[in-house]
Protein backbone atom coordinates (compact mmCIF):
# COMPACT_ATOMS: atom_id res chain seq x y z
CA MET A 1 0.00 0.00 0.00
CA SER A 2 1.44 3.38 -0.95
CA ALA A 3 1.63 6.27 1.48
CA LYS A 4 -1.16 8.08 -0.38
CA ALA A 5 -3.55 5.25 0.48
CA TRP A 6 -3.04 5.66 4.23
CA ASP A 7 -5.52 7.79 6.12
CA LYS A 8 -3.61 8.91 9.20
CA SER A 9 -6.39 11.09 10.57
CA ARG A 10 -6.95 8.70 13.49
CA LEU A 11 -3.39 7.41 13.91
CA PRO A 12 -1.13 8.77 16.68
CA SER A 13 1.67 9.63 14.23
CA ARG A 14 -0.43 12.38 12.68
CA HIS A 15 0.71 14.52 15.61
CA THR A 16 4.33 14.36 14.47
CA THR A 17 4.14 13.94 10.69
CA MET A 18 1.11 15.77 9.26
CA GLY A 19 0.53 19.45 8.48
CA PRO A 20 2.82 22.48 8.07
CA GLU A 21 3.14 22.96 11.84
CA ARG A 22 4.96 19.60 12.02
CA ALA A 23 7.76 20.65 9.66
CA PRO A 24 10.30 20.75 12.55
CA HIS A 25 9.31 17.25 13.57
CA ARG A 26 9.62 15.94 10.00
CA SER A 27 13.07 17.50 9.71
CA TYR A 28 14.30 15.01 12.31
CA TYR A 29 13.01 12.12 10.21
CA TYR A 30 14.69 13.51 7.09
CA ALA A 31 17.90 13.73 9.17
CA MET A 32 17.68 9.94 9.70
CA GLY A 33 17.32 9.26 5.98
CA LEU A 34 13.57 8.77 5.70
CA THR A 35 11.77 9.75 2.52
CA LYS A 36 8.58 11.79 2.29
CA GLU A 37 6.66 8.61 1.52
CA GLU A 38 8.09 6.83 4.57
CA ILE A 39 7.19 9.75 6.84
CA GLU A 40 3.62 9.71 5.55
CA GLN A 41 3.24 5.99 6.25
CA PRO A 42 2.27 4.63 9.68
CA LEU A 43 5.21 4.56 12.09
CA VAL A 44 5.70 1.17 13.73
CA GLY A 45 7.81 0.83 16.88
CA VAL A 46 10.00 -2.28 16.77
CA ALA A 47 11.08 -2.81 20.37
CA SER A 48 13.50 -5.49 21.46
CA CYS A 49 15.20 -6.38 24.72
CA TRP A 50 18.55 -6.88 23.03
CA ASN A 51 21.58 -6.61 25.28
CA GLU A 52 24.78 -8.40 26.20
CA ALA A 53 23.60 -9.31 29.70
CA ALA A 54 22.82 -12.95 28.92
CA PRO A 55 22.29 -15.49 26.12
CA CYS A 56 18.51 -14.92 26.34
CA ASN A 57 18.88 -11.56 24.61
CA ILE A 58 21.88 -11.69 22.28
CA ALA A 59 19.91 -12.92 19.23
CA LEU A 60 17.17 -10.29 19.49
CA SER A 61 18.87 -7.54 17.49
CA ARG A 62 19.05 -9.82 14.45
CA GLN A 63 15.39 -10.68 14.80
CA ALA A 64 14.46 -7.00 15.14
CA GLN A 65 16.11 -6.31 11.78
CA ALA A 66 14.00 -9.05 10.22
CA ALA A 67 10.83 -7.62 11.80
CA LYS A 68 11.70 -4.20 10.37
CA ALA A 69 12.02 -5.76 6.91
CA GLY A 70 8.52 -7.19 7.31
CA VAL A 71 7.09 -3.81 8.33
CA LYS A 72 8.71 -2.15 5.31
CA ALA A 73 7.51 -4.82 2.90
CA ALA A 74 3.94 -4.31 4.11
CA GLY A 75 4.02 -0.56 3.46
CA ALA A 76 4.75 1.00 6.86
CA THR A 77 7.84 2.58 8.42
CA PRO A 78 9.67 0.79 11.26
CA ARG A 79 11.35 2.70 14.08
CA GLU A 80 13.58 0.48 16.16
CA PHE A 81 14.31 0.97 19.85
CA THR A 82 15.45 -1.19 22.74
CA THR A 83 14.55 -1.55 26.38
CA ILE A 84 16.16 -3.13 29.43
CA THR A 85 16.19 -6.62 30.86
CA VAL A 86 17.37 -8.08 34.13
CA THR A 87 18.40 -11.67 33.54
CA ASP A 88 17.43 -13.94 36.39
CA GLY A 89 20.15 -16.54 35.84
CA ILE A 90 22.77 -13.90 36.59
CA ALA A 91 20.79 -11.92 39.19
CA MET A 92 19.84 -15.07 41.11
CA GLY A 93 21.00 -15.76 44.64
CA HIS A 94 22.12 -12.29 45.71
CA GLN A 95 20.76 -8.76 46.14
CA SER A 96 20.54 -8.15 42.38
CA MET A 97 17.50 -10.42 42.23
CA LYS A 98 15.49 -7.64 43.85
CA SER A 99 15.69 -5.85 40.49
CA SER A 100 14.09 -8.68 38.50
CA LEU A 101 10.34 -8.29 39.02
CA ALA A 102 10.71 -4.50 39.18
CA SER A 103 12.25 -4.69 35.71
CA ARG A 104 8.95 -5.98 34.34
CA GLU A 105 7.35 -2.65 35.22
CA ALA A 106 10.35 -0.70 33.89
CA ILE A 107 10.13 -2.56 30.57
CA ALA A 108 6.41 -1.85 30.22
CA ASP A 109 6.88 1.77 31.30
CA SER A 110 9.84 2.43 29.00
CA ILE A 111 8.07 1.02 25.96
CA GLU A 112 4.98 3.06 26.83
CA LEU A 113 7.02 6.25 27.18
CA THR A 114 8.91 5.67 23.92
CA MET A 115 5.70 4.96 22.01
CA ARG A 116 3.88 7.92 23.57
CA GLY A 117 6.82 10.26 23.20
CA HIS A 118 7.15 9.61 19.47
CA CYS A 119 3.51 8.93 18.57
CA TYR A 120 4.09 5.52 17.02
CA ASP A 121 1.04 3.82 15.54
CA ALA A 122 1.79 0.14 16.21
CA LEU A 123 4.26 -2.09 17.98
CA VAL A 124 6.26 -5.24 17.30
CA GLY A 125 7.81 -6.41 20.58
CA ILE A 126 10.59 -9.01 20.78
CA ALA A 127 11.59 -10.41 24.16
CA GLY A 128 13.86 -13.18 25.38
CA CYS A 129 14.22 -13.36 29.16
CA ASP A 130 11.71 -14.07 31.92
CA LYS A 131 10.25 -10.68 32.93
CA SER A 132 10.71 -9.17 29.49
CA LEU A 133 7.96 -11.30 27.97
CA PRO A 134 5.13 -10.13 30.26
CA GLY A 135 6.65 -6.63 30.38
CA VAL A 136 6.44 -6.26 26.61
CA MET A 137 2.95 -7.76 26.42
CA MET A 138 1.77 -5.49 29.27
CA SER A 139 2.93 -2.44 27.29
CA MET A 140 0.99 -3.62 24.25
CA ILE A 141 -2.22 -4.03 26.23
CA ARG A 142 -1.68 -0.72 28.03
CA LEU A 143 -1.11 1.27 24.83
CA ASN A 144 -3.75 -0.70 22.89
CA VAL A 145 -2.21 0.09 19.52
CA PRO A 146 -2.08 -2.75 16.97
CA SER A 147 0.68 -5.02 18.26
CA VAL A 148 2.40 -8.34 17.58
CA PHE A 149 4.60 -10.06 20.16
CA MET A 150 7.46 -12.39 19.31
CA TYR A 151 9.58 -14.57 21.57
CA GLY A 152 13.29 -14.59 20.79
CA GLY A 153 13.57 -18.34 21.21
CA SER A 154 14.99 -20.83 23.69
CA ILE A 155 18.52 -22.11 24.07
CA MET A 156 19.45 -25.56 22.84
CA PRO A 157 20.21 -28.06 25.61
CA GLY A 158 23.81 -28.54 26.60
CA ARG A 159 25.49 -31.95 26.73
CA HIS A 160 27.36 -33.29 29.72
CA HIS A 161 28.48 -36.91 30.12
CA GLY A 162 26.16 -37.99 27.32
CA ARG A 163 22.98 -36.36 28.62
CA ASP A 164 21.07 -33.14 27.94
CA VAL A 165 21.56 -30.49 30.63
CA THR A 166 20.22 -27.01 31.37
CA VAL A 167 21.25 -24.21 33.71
CA LEU A 168 19.08 -25.86 36.39
CA ASP A 169 21.57 -28.72 36.46
CA VAL A 170 24.30 -26.19 37.23
CA PHE A 171 22.31 -24.62 40.08
CA GLU A 172 21.67 -28.06 41.56
CA ALA A 173 25.32 -29.01 41.06
CA VAL A 174 26.23 -26.22 43.48
CA GLY A 175 24.36 -28.16 46.18
CA GLN A 176 26.08 -31.40 45.16
CA HIS A 177 29.44 -29.66 45.32
CA ALA A 178 28.67 -28.23 48.78
CA ALA A 179 27.68 -31.71 49.95
CA GLY A 180 31.00 -33.11 48.73
CA ASN A 181 29.40 -35.14 45.94
CA MET A 182 30.92 -33.22 43.03
CA SER A 183 34.50 -32.18 42.45
CA ASP A 184 35.71 -28.72 41.46
CA GLU A 185 36.71 -30.15 38.09
CA GLU A 186 33.31 -31.67 37.31
CA LEU A 187 31.48 -28.50 38.35
CA ASP A 188 33.78 -26.52 36.06
CA GLU A 189 33.12 -28.90 33.17
CA LEU A 190 29.35 -28.77 33.67
CA GLU A 191 29.18 -24.96 33.81
CA ARG A 192 31.16 -24.76 30.56
CA HIS A 193 28.78 -27.03 28.66
CA ALA A 194 25.29 -26.39 30.10
CA CYS A 195 24.47 -23.34 27.94
CA PRO A 196 25.77 -23.83 24.38
CA GLY A 197 24.67 -20.54 22.77
CA ALA A 198 21.94 -17.95 22.33
CA GLY A 199 18.45 -18.32 23.75
CA ALA A 200 16.43 -18.35 26.96
CA CYS A 201 16.49 -21.25 29.44
CA GLY A 202 15.31 -24.40 27.68
CA GLY A 203 13.02 -25.93 30.29
CA GLN A 204 9.43 -24.91 30.97
CA PHE A 205 10.67 -22.12 33.17
CA THR A 206 9.23 -18.59 33.05
CA ALA A 207 10.46 -17.60 29.57
CA ASN A 208 9.06 -20.65 27.78
CA THR A 209 5.91 -20.58 29.90
CA MET A 210 5.17 -17.00 28.85
CA ALA A 211 6.16 -17.82 25.26
CA CYS A 212 3.42 -20.47 25.25
CA VAL A 213 1.08 -17.85 26.73
CA SER A 214 1.93 -15.40 23.91
CA GLU A 215 0.62 -17.80 21.27
CA MET A 216 -2.30 -19.09 23.33
CA ILE A 217 -3.55 -15.63 24.30
CA GLY A 218 -3.34 -14.56 20.65
CA LEU A 219 -0.71 -11.78 20.78
CA ALA A 220 1.88 -13.82 18.84
CA LEU A 221 1.64 -15.51 15.46
CA PRO A 222 1.08 -19.29 15.55
CA PHE A 223 4.35 -21.28 15.51
CA SER A 224 6.44 -18.16 16.28
CA ALA A 225 7.34 -19.14 19.86
CA GLY A 226 8.75 -22.60 19.21
CA ALA A 227 11.90 -22.31 17.13
CA PRO A 228 15.09 -22.15 19.22
CA ALA A 229 17.01 -18.88 19.08
CA PRO A 230 19.75 -20.18 16.73
CA ASP A 231 17.21 -21.52 14.22
CA GLU A 232 17.13 -19.42 11.06
CA THR A 233 13.34 -19.75 10.80
CA ARG A 234 13.15 -17.23 13.65
CA ASP A 235 13.94 -14.56 11.08
CA ASP A 236 11.03 -15.75 8.95
CA HIS A 237 8.70 -15.44 11.94
CA ALA A 238 10.04 -11.95 12.61
CA VAL A 239 9.38 -10.86 9.01
CA ALA A 240 5.88 -12.31 9.24
CA SER A 241 5.30 -10.49 12.55
CA GLY A 242 6.30 -7.19 10.93
CA LYS A 243 3.91 -7.78 8.06
CA ALA A 244 1.13 -8.87 10.39
CA VAL A 245 1.25 -5.70 12.51
CA VAL A 246 0.70 -3.54 9.40
CA GLU A 247 -2.38 -5.60 8.55
CA LEU A 248 -3.62 -5.02 12.10
CA ILE A 249 -3.32 -1.26 11.53
CA ARG A 250 -5.51 -1.62 8.44
CA ARG A 251 -8.08 -3.64 10.38
CA ASN A 252 -7.78 -1.53 13.54
CA LEU A 253 -7.52 -4.79 15.49
CA ARG A 254 -6.01 -4.03 18.89
CA PRO A 255 -4.66 -5.97 21.89
CA ARG A 256 -7.76 -5.39 24.02
CA ASP A 257 -9.84 -6.98 21.28
CA ILE A 258 -7.65 -10.04 21.79
CA VAL A 259 -6.88 -10.06 25.54
CA THR A 260 -10.25 -10.84 27.10
CA LEU A 261 -11.38 -12.87 30.10
CA ASP A 262 -11.77 -15.88 27.79
CA SER A 263 -8.29 -15.56 26.29
CA LEU A 264 -6.83 -15.14 29.78
CA HIS A 265 -8.61 -18.39 30.68
CA ASN A 266 -6.85 -20.01 27.71
CA ALA A 267 -3.49 -18.61 28.82
CA ALA A 268 -3.87 -20.04 32.31
CA ALA A 269 -4.86 -23.39 30.83
CA ILE A 270 -1.67 -23.73 28.78
CA VAL A 271 0.40 -22.95 31.88
CA GLY A 272 -1.30 -25.78 33.73
CA ALA A 273 -1.05 -28.14 30.75
CA THR A 274 2.69 -27.61 30.43
CA GLY A 275 3.60 -27.63 34.13
CA GLY A 276 4.70 -24.05 33.64
CA SER A 277 6.23 -21.47 35.91
CA THR A 278 4.44 -20.29 39.04
CA ASN A 279 5.42 -16.79 37.90
CA ALA A 280 2.54 -16.96 35.41
CA ALA A 281 0.27 -16.42 38.41
CA LEU A 282 1.87 -12.98 38.75
CA HIS A 283 2.13 -12.11 35.07
CA LEU A 284 -1.37 -13.08 33.88
CA PRO A 285 -3.11 -10.93 36.54
CA ALA A 286 -0.74 -8.08 35.63
CA MET A 287 -1.57 -8.39 31.91
CA ALA A 288 -5.27 -8.54 32.72
CA HIS A 289 -4.89 -5.44 34.89
CA GLU A 290 -3.61 -3.46 31.89
CA ALA A 291 -6.83 -4.36 30.06
CA GLY A 292 -8.99 -3.36 33.03
CA ILE A 293 -9.85 -6.99 33.83
CA ARG A 294 -9.66 -8.40 37.38
CA PHE A 295 -7.98 -11.79 37.13
CA THR A 296 -6.38 -12.95 40.37
CA LEU A 297 -3.89 -15.61 41.41
CA GLN A 298 -6.84 -17.73 42.56
CA ASP A 299 -8.53 -17.36 39.15
CA VAL A 300 -5.35 -18.45 37.38
CA ALA A 301 -4.80 -21.37 39.71
CA GLU A 302 -8.40 -22.62 39.53
CA ILE A 303 -8.14 -22.85 35.74
CA MET A 304 -4.71 -24.50 35.90
CA ARG A 305 -6.00 -27.07 38.37
CA LYS A 306 -8.87 -28.01 36.06
CA THR A 307 -6.54 -28.45 33.07
CA PRO A 308 -4.78 -31.80 32.64
CA HIS A 309 -0.99 -31.78 32.65
CA ILE A 310 -0.06 -33.05 29.17
CA ALA A 311 3.43 -31.76 28.29
CA ASP A 312 6.33 -33.67 29.84
CA LEU A 313 8.73 -30.76 30.27
CA LYS A 314 11.56 -29.91 32.64
CA PRO A 315 11.96 -29.19 35.50
CA GLY A 316 9.41 -31.82 36.53
CA GLY A 317 9.60 -33.85 33.32
CA LYS A 318 12.00 -35.09 30.65
CA TYR A 319 11.94 -32.64 27.74
CA VAL A 320 12.86 -29.07 26.83
CA ALA A 321 11.44 -26.46 24.46
CA ALA A 322 13.52 -27.70 21.52
CA ASP A 323 11.71 -31.04 21.82
CA VAL A 324 8.32 -29.31 21.58
CA PHE A 325 9.57 -27.54 18.45
CA ARG A 326 10.70 -30.88 17.02
CA ILE A 327 7.15 -32.31 17.18
CA GLY A 328 5.41 -29.22 15.77
CA GLY A 329 5.74 -26.42 18.31
CA VAL A 330 3.33 -24.71 20.69
CA PRO A 331 0.37 -25.22 18.29
CA VAL A 332 0.51 -28.94 19.09
CA ILE A 333 -0.16 -28.18 22.77
CA ILE A 334 -2.92 -25.73 21.81
CA LYS A 335 -4.48 -28.28 19.46
CA ALA A 336 -4.48 -30.96 22.17
CA LEU A 337 -6.26 -28.53 24.52
CA LEU A 338 -8.76 -27.57 21.80
CA ASP A 339 -9.50 -31.22 21.04
CA GLY A 340 -10.10 -31.87 24.73
CA GLY A 341 -12.36 -28.84 25.15
CA TYR A 342 -10.10 -27.15 27.71
CA VAL A 343 -9.65 -23.83 25.87
CA LYS A 344 -12.07 -21.49 24.15
CA GLY A 345 -11.57 -21.63 20.39
CA ASP A 346 -13.53 -18.50 19.47
CA CYS A 347 -11.00 -16.00 20.86
CA LEU A 348 -9.51 -13.57 18.33
CA THR A 349 -5.78 -13.53 17.57
CA VAL A 350 -3.31 -11.28 15.74
CA THR A 351 -3.93 -13.25 12.54
CA GLY A 352 -7.43 -11.78 12.47
CA ARG A 353 -8.72 -15.34 12.87
CA THR A 354 -9.77 -17.24 15.97
CA VAL A 355 -7.68 -19.71 17.93
CA ALA A 356 -9.74 -22.58 16.50
CA GLU A 357 -9.34 -21.32 12.93
CA ASN A 358 -5.58 -20.93 13.35
CA HIS A 359 -5.19 -24.53 14.53
CA ARG A 360 -7.75 -26.32 12.38
CA GLU A 361 -5.08 -28.16 10.36
CA VAL A 362 -2.69 -28.89 13.26
CA ILE A 363 -2.25 -32.54 14.20
CA VAL A 364 -1.01 -33.89 17.52
CA PRO A 365 1.59 -36.49 16.45
CA ARG A 366 1.14 -39.97 17.83
CA ASP A 367 4.74 -41.18 17.59
CA GLN A 368 6.01 -39.02 20.46
CA ASP A 369 5.56 -38.61 24.23
CA VAL A 370 6.46 -34.93 24.62
CA VAL A 371 2.83 -33.78 24.44
CA ARG A 372 0.02 -36.19 25.22
CA PRO A 373 -3.66 -35.94 24.33
CA THR A 374 -5.88 -34.74 27.18
CA SER A 375 -7.49 -38.19 27.26
CA ASP A 376 -4.14 -39.65 28.40
CA PRO A 377 -2.55 -36.96 30.59
CA ILE A 378 0.50 -37.12 32.80
CA SER A 379 -1.84 -35.95 35.56
CA PRO A 380 -5.58 -35.15 35.45
CA ILE A 381 -4.89 -31.81 37.14
CA GLY A 382 -2.55 -29.07 36.00
CA GLY A 383 1.06 -28.76 37.05
CA VAL A 384 0.52 -25.62 39.16
CA VAL A 385 -2.02 -25.19 41.98
CA ALA A 386 -2.97 -22.51 44.51
CA LEU A 387 -3.08 -22.93 48.27
CA LYS A 388 -5.06 -20.94 50.81
CA GLY A 389 -5.39 -21.05 54.58
CA ASN A 390 -4.60 -19.21 57.77
CA LEU A 391 -0.93 -18.95 56.74
CA ALA A 392 -1.86 -17.46 53.36
CA PRO A 393 -5.30 -15.77 53.40
CA GLU A 394 -4.53 -14.13 50.02
CA GLY A 395 -3.16 -17.40 48.70
CA GLY A 396 0.11 -18.95 47.64
CA ILE A 397 1.14 -21.13 44.72
CA VAL A 398 3.12 -24.33 44.16
CA LYS A 399 4.26 -26.23 41.07
CA ILE A 400 3.29 -29.88 41.53
CA ALA A 401 4.45 -31.15 38.12
CA GLY A 402 6.67 -34.16 38.75
CA MET A 403 5.68 -34.48 42.44
CA THR A 404 4.25 -37.70 43.85
CA ASN A 405 3.55 -36.64 47.45
CA LEU A 406 1.11 -33.72 47.60
CA ARG A 407 0.95 -33.38 51.39
CA PHE A 408 3.64 -32.20 53.77
CA GLU A 409 3.54 -31.65 57.52
CA GLY A 410 6.53 -30.28 59.38
CA THR A 411 7.96 -27.66 61.70
CA ALA A 412 8.84 -24.08 60.81
CA LEU A 413 12.47 -22.99 60.49
CA CYS A 414 12.28 -19.22 59.99
CA PHE A 415 14.63 -16.85 58.15
CA ASP A 416 14.07 -13.16 57.50
CA CYS A 417 16.01 -13.06 54.21
CA GLU A 418 17.19 -15.44 51.50
CA GLU A 419 20.88 -15.08 52.36
CA ASP A 420 20.32 -16.47 55.88
CA ALA A 421 18.28 -19.37 54.50
CA PHE A 422 20.93 -20.20 51.88
CA ALA A 423 23.70 -20.07 54.48
CA ALA A 424 21.75 -22.51 56.68
CA VAL A 425 21.20 -24.85 53.75
CA GLU A 426 24.87 -24.71 52.78
CA ALA A 427 25.83 -25.51 56.37
CA ARG A 428 23.25 -28.33 56.50
CA ALA A 429 21.71 -26.52 59.49
CA TYR A 430 18.29 -28.01 58.76
CA LYS A 431 16.78 -31.47 58.93
CA ALA A 432 14.21 -33.67 57.27
CA GLY A 433 10.71 -32.53 58.20
CA ASP A 434 11.60 -28.84 58.34
CA VAL A 435 9.47 -26.25 56.59
CA ILE A 436 11.98 -23.55 55.69
CA ILE A 437 10.36 -20.10 55.88
CA VAL A 438 11.93 -17.25 53.88
CA ARG A 439 10.05 -14.02 54.63
CA TYR A 440 10.35 -10.27 54.17
CA GLU A 441 11.09 -11.06 50.52
CA GLY A 442 7.70 -9.98 49.13
CA PRO A 443 7.01 -7.20 46.62
CA LYS A 444 7.17 -4.45 49.27
CA GLY A 445 9.34 -6.13 51.86
CA GLY A 446 12.19 -7.28 49.67
CA PRO A 447 11.61 -5.01 47.97
CA GLY A 448 11.21 -6.77 44.65
CA MET A 449 10.01 -10.30 45.48
CA ARG A 450 13.18 -12.28 44.84
CA GLU A 451 13.25 -15.79 43.42
CA MET A 452 14.79 -18.55 45.53
CA LEU A 453 16.34 -20.89 42.94
CA SER A 454 19.79 -20.92 44.53
CA THR A 455 18.35 -22.10 47.85
CA THR A 456 15.94 -24.68 46.43
CA SER A 457 18.55 -26.02 44.01
CA ALA A 458 21.08 -26.41 46.83
CA ILE A 459 18.49 -28.41 48.80
CA TYR A 460 17.96 -30.70 45.80
CA GLY A 461 21.68 -30.99 45.24
CA GLN A 462 22.02 -32.22 48.83
CA GLY A 463 19.44 -34.93 48.19
CA MET A 464 16.87 -33.31 50.49
CA GLY A 465 14.37 -32.10 47.88
CA ASP A 466 11.58 -34.45 48.95
CA LYS A 467 12.33 -34.24 52.68
CA VAL A 468 11.70 -30.55 53.36
CA ALA A 469 9.31 -27.84 52.20
CA LEU A 470 9.99 -24.16 51.61
CA ILE A 471 7.51 -21.30 51.98
CA THR A 472 8.13 -17.68 51.02
CA ASP A 473 6.38 -14.41 50.37
CA GLY A 474 8.91 -14.07 47.57
CA ARG A 475 8.94 -16.06 44.35
CA PHE A 476 10.41 -19.19 42.87
CA SER A 477 12.10 -19.53 39.52
CA GLY A 478 10.22 -21.46 36.90
CA ALA A 479 13.10 -23.92 37.25
CA THR A 480 12.23 -24.68 40.88
CA ARG A 481 10.84 -28.10 41.74
CA GLY A 482 9.66 -29.74 44.94
CA PHE A 483 7.37 -28.59 47.74
CA CYS A 484 8.12 -24.90 47.33
CA ILE A 485 5.27 -22.48 47.97
CA GLY A 486 5.67 -18.89 46.80
CA HIS A 487 3.64 -15.68 46.54
CA VAL A 488 2.32 -16.16 50.09
CA GLY A 489 0.15 -13.20 50.99
CA PRO A 490 -0.32 -10.96 52.78
CA GLU A 491 3.44 -10.65 52.81
CA ALA A 492 5.48 -10.31 55.99
CA ALA A 493 6.24 -6.62 55.39
CA VAL A 494 2.58 -5.71 55.89
CA GLY A 495 2.11 -8.02 58.89
CA GLY A 496 0.82 -11.10 57.08
CA PRO A 497 0.63 -14.38 59.03
CA ILE A 498 3.98 -15.51 57.60
CA ALA A 499 5.57 -12.74 59.72
CA LEU A 500 4.08 -14.26 62.87
CA LEU A 501 5.56 -17.75 62.48
CA GLU A 502 8.12 -18.92 65.02
CA ASN A 503 10.60 -21.77 64.89
CA GLY A 504 8.95 -25.04 65.78
CA ASP A 505 5.41 -24.07 64.74
CA ARG A 506 3.59 -26.92 63.06
CA ILE A 507 2.64 -26.35 59.41
CA VAL A 508 0.42 -28.51 57.20
CA ILE A 509 0.49 -28.16 53.41
CA ASP A 510 -2.00 -30.13 51.31
CA ALA A 511 -1.72 -29.45 47.58
CA GLN A 512 -4.52 -31.92 46.84
CA ALA A 513 -6.94 -30.03 49.08
CA GLY A 514 -5.39 -26.65 48.24
CA THR A 515 -4.66 -25.69 51.86
CA ILE A 516 -1.75 -24.23 53.81
CA ASP A 517 -2.15 -23.75 57.55
CA MET A 518 -0.13 -22.96 60.65
CA ILE A 519 -1.27 -25.11 63.59
CA VAL A 520 -1.10 -22.34 66.17
CA PRO A 521 -3.97 -21.40 68.53
CA GLU A 522 -5.90 -18.27 67.48
CA GLU A 523 -5.20 -16.55 70.80
CA GLU A 524 -1.45 -17.09 70.30
CA ILE A 525 -1.62 -15.71 66.75
CA ALA A 526 -3.45 -12.65 68.13
CA ARG A 527 -0.77 -12.17 70.80
CA ARG A 528 2.00 -12.31 68.20
CA ARG A 529 0.13 -9.93 65.89
CA ALA A 530 -0.17 -7.37 68.68
CA ALA A 531 3.56 -7.58 69.33
CA TRP A 532 4.63 -7.45 65.66
CA LYS A 533 6.41 -4.34 64.39
CA PRO A 534 7.19 -3.43 60.74
CA ARG A 535 10.76 -3.90 59.57
CA GLY A 536 12.82 -1.53 57.47
CA HIS A 537 15.08 -2.35 54.52
CA ASP A 538 18.13 -0.78 52.94
CA TYR A 539 16.44 0.44 49.74
CA ASN A 540 15.44 3.95 50.75
CA ALA A 541 16.22 5.76 47.50
CA GLY A 542 16.19 5.00 43.80
CA ALA A 543 14.12 2.67 41.66
CA LEU A 544 13.56 -0.04 44.27
CA TRP A 545 12.37 2.52 46.83
CA LYS A 546 9.88 3.82 44.28
CA TYR A 547 8.80 0.27 43.45
CA ALA A 548 8.18 -0.51 47.12
CA GLN A 549 5.96 2.56 47.49
CA LEU A 550 3.79 1.69 44.49
CA VAL A 551 3.62 -2.09 44.27
CA GLY A 552 0.43 -3.94 45.11
CA PRO A 553 -0.11 -7.47 46.46
CA ALA A 554 1.13 -10.56 44.68
CA TYR A 555 -2.32 -12.10 44.22
CA LEU A 556 -3.27 -9.14 41.99
CA GLY A 557 -0.06 -9.34 39.97
CA ALA A 558 2.29 -7.06 41.97
CA VAL A 559 1.43 -4.12 39.71
CA THR A 560 2.42 -0.49 40.19
CA ASN A 561 -0.29 1.48 38.39
CA PRO A 562 -4.12 1.60 38.53
CA GLY A 563 -4.46 -0.20 35.18
CA GLY A 564 -6.94 -0.03 32.35
CA ALA A 565 -9.98 0.20 34.62
CA ALA A 566 -8.89 3.64 35.78
CA GLU A 567 -8.30 5.07 32.31
CA THR A 568 -10.30 8.02 31.06
CA HIS A 569 -8.43 8.05 27.76
CA CYS A 570 -6.39 5.44 25.89
CA TYR A 571 -3.14 6.27 24.06
CA ALA A 572 -4.30 4.56 20.88
CA ASP A 573 -7.23 6.99 20.63
CA GLN A 574 -5.27 10.21 21.12
């Protein structure tokens, strides 16, 4: 379509490109080599999270160039920009992890500000690492301009002693090393071979979980999430995404036409079906919030519980994302859920067609055991469930994929930060039957709601993974396995029951019944509550201070703005 055919009277870029009063603005575009025709076309932001922080992000710049080519070929003008990421694998296990969840908001905010500040008409967003996927999708829903999301792809598995390995094996090897079961030399060899190149963590951790969500919820093109980062077909998907977003401008099809209560239901279902990351119970409510939809941790978990677990993926299972790609990609999982009646097929997607229409020709292969039909699941309930009780009135969440025992009763061993808990684990200062409590690590109290993969992996590395439980008001990595309950709310920083626990208190966790309780008399709980005093933290300036002032509870997504329900005017309609 030529520039003359575009009517920009309702597009945001008219404010910077149309009319004699915008001559100064156009002069900047001429300075960057644009032609008159390109200036008069819709301006499409192409945002990526490219950086040199981690392998998750190093392939994204190449894919952004391909997306720009697709935008150009379809008759619009791409404008590339980048945003930040905080990579959990490097931030994990120390104070830097406090920046991780806060980065989700910074990513969404920075994309919003760039799009608003330059009046771009549409958005292609390319993300690679955990929080960047929901952060980019949140910005799309918030802005509500025509948008297409694309995942940058997963890493290929490494090889060590003839078996596939992931970064989770390295985290767990730290525990084996501390226990004297692995030599310095073997640990060195494993760390050198676990991550062979570009891409996000290969198991069904947060990145691949949210990549599945991107296709299921309809913000990404079918098949675009599956190819590993090194695969050259990723460039083809990027070109197609660039072309698709221009068609969405023509149709005026926007993210809030796609992200509805029904499509959020579908997104939660694919998390349950794949044994995905518990972090989805934060990110889906946050995405819903941007659309003005209330969708809580309990809503997510109820849907996940009702969805059979059908994909045999790490950390609880055998396979990684590259194996899903080998049998046909994410559409195979979606098709299995459609065939079983567990997702709603009439939801719109960025193709302009419905989920059912997109997957009509997809077949679930029979000669594989990566993804099963819903009639023959790994488990009749999903791989992630919510818990509620007097220890977590606002709820908590646990990944049960791969677990055989769904009940645990033990005694509390309390720590007021992750470092103290990790030190105790390293020193073997705990015993079978303990319920390790890590508190004051919630959204406000951390601040930043750290993940606990270093601690849980060390426990597994010591061979104690099925002998203890761990409860926190912080989070767990998607790579965590075992009886690890996160997102417990209200958090300790606001006086939640987790703050009132004392060493030796009896705790009962029942994932089958969905309960989590402290066996402490009510009068004793009341006495402790009266004596409790808020704690301070060391983040009293800067971004984490600001985050702590604004962030809401985990069960509503740990968001920092009032969301779509409070809007009186949407950017896309300016």
